[in-house]
């Protein structure tokens, strides 16, 4: 016979306690977990900066796999799923990730924000057009993150956007942004000190891709050109001949290629001019593996600046000593590989 009596209150309380212990989750914990922001970010350097500011108060997930050409990246179906659950989608902007932006506009949930960081930072009268990004096509060079003074501004925008989205954690985000800015400023100071060991004549960059235009303007380096044209094919023989003549005339000691995209053209230019071909620069592929200290925006730019200064005859003493502590918290972002 089944009893119709209600169990004693103490028994009910004990049962509830057992359920809580078994699930390992309190009502408060579940509420906090559900309120954690999910942030989708495009390229790896930007993902690193967002993670440095967000700390452990948001779930940060990258979109563009490292080692991929971000200009031609077409998002896979999994990206639509990520975008559909994201509270924020953070992109560089300035035309870098147009296919991803269009996908986000079609798939983000109601109330989600799409933030274009570089577009907020750089007014049109400061846009740079160059070999890979000609003015007639209307898209400026988008690589602001290779200039650490702009990376500091990235952190400021991210701090502001996260704080507006999650006011309860605004002070936490702001403290993290200040930590990042101090680390980035240490890199700026070290670069300004070490670049004096490179003669002004040799502060010139011939690279595989036009990724250092804003860096050059800020720090007084001359960008000779880039081998990769806007259509990402090889340059014409006439363009190669012009670069060879220029390098010979100016006695450029080193030309810089990409670790991800080997260039037979740059190798040929090196042989024809006697310049050393350094093929390890990175635009948006972070060194090391996710979770390691060098796998960060700071690790990326410290490596590039050390390589550039040393390759052009300088001594990167201060740069090599910059600590890789851009974040007050371990980087827990998801980086697609």
Foldseek 3Di string as FASTA:
>chain_A
DDDPDDDDPVVVVVVVVVVCVVVVADPVRVVQVVLQFEEEEEFQQLLQLLLQLCPPRHAYAYFHFFLDQQQPDAGDPVLLVSLQPGLEYEYQDLNRHVNSVVSNVVRHDPNRYYHHQNPVVDDPVPFAADQQRHVVVPRGQRQPLLALVVSLSSLVVSLVVVCVSPVVCSVSSVVSSVLLNVLSVLLVVLLLVFLVQFPLLQLEAEEQDPNCPVVCVVNVGHYPYHQQGNVRDGDDPVVLVVVLVVCQVSVHQEYEYDPSDDDPSQVVSCVSRVHHYHHHQHRRRFPDDQQDLSRHSLVNSLVNSCCSSVSSPTHSPSSVPRDSPSHPHTRPHHHRD
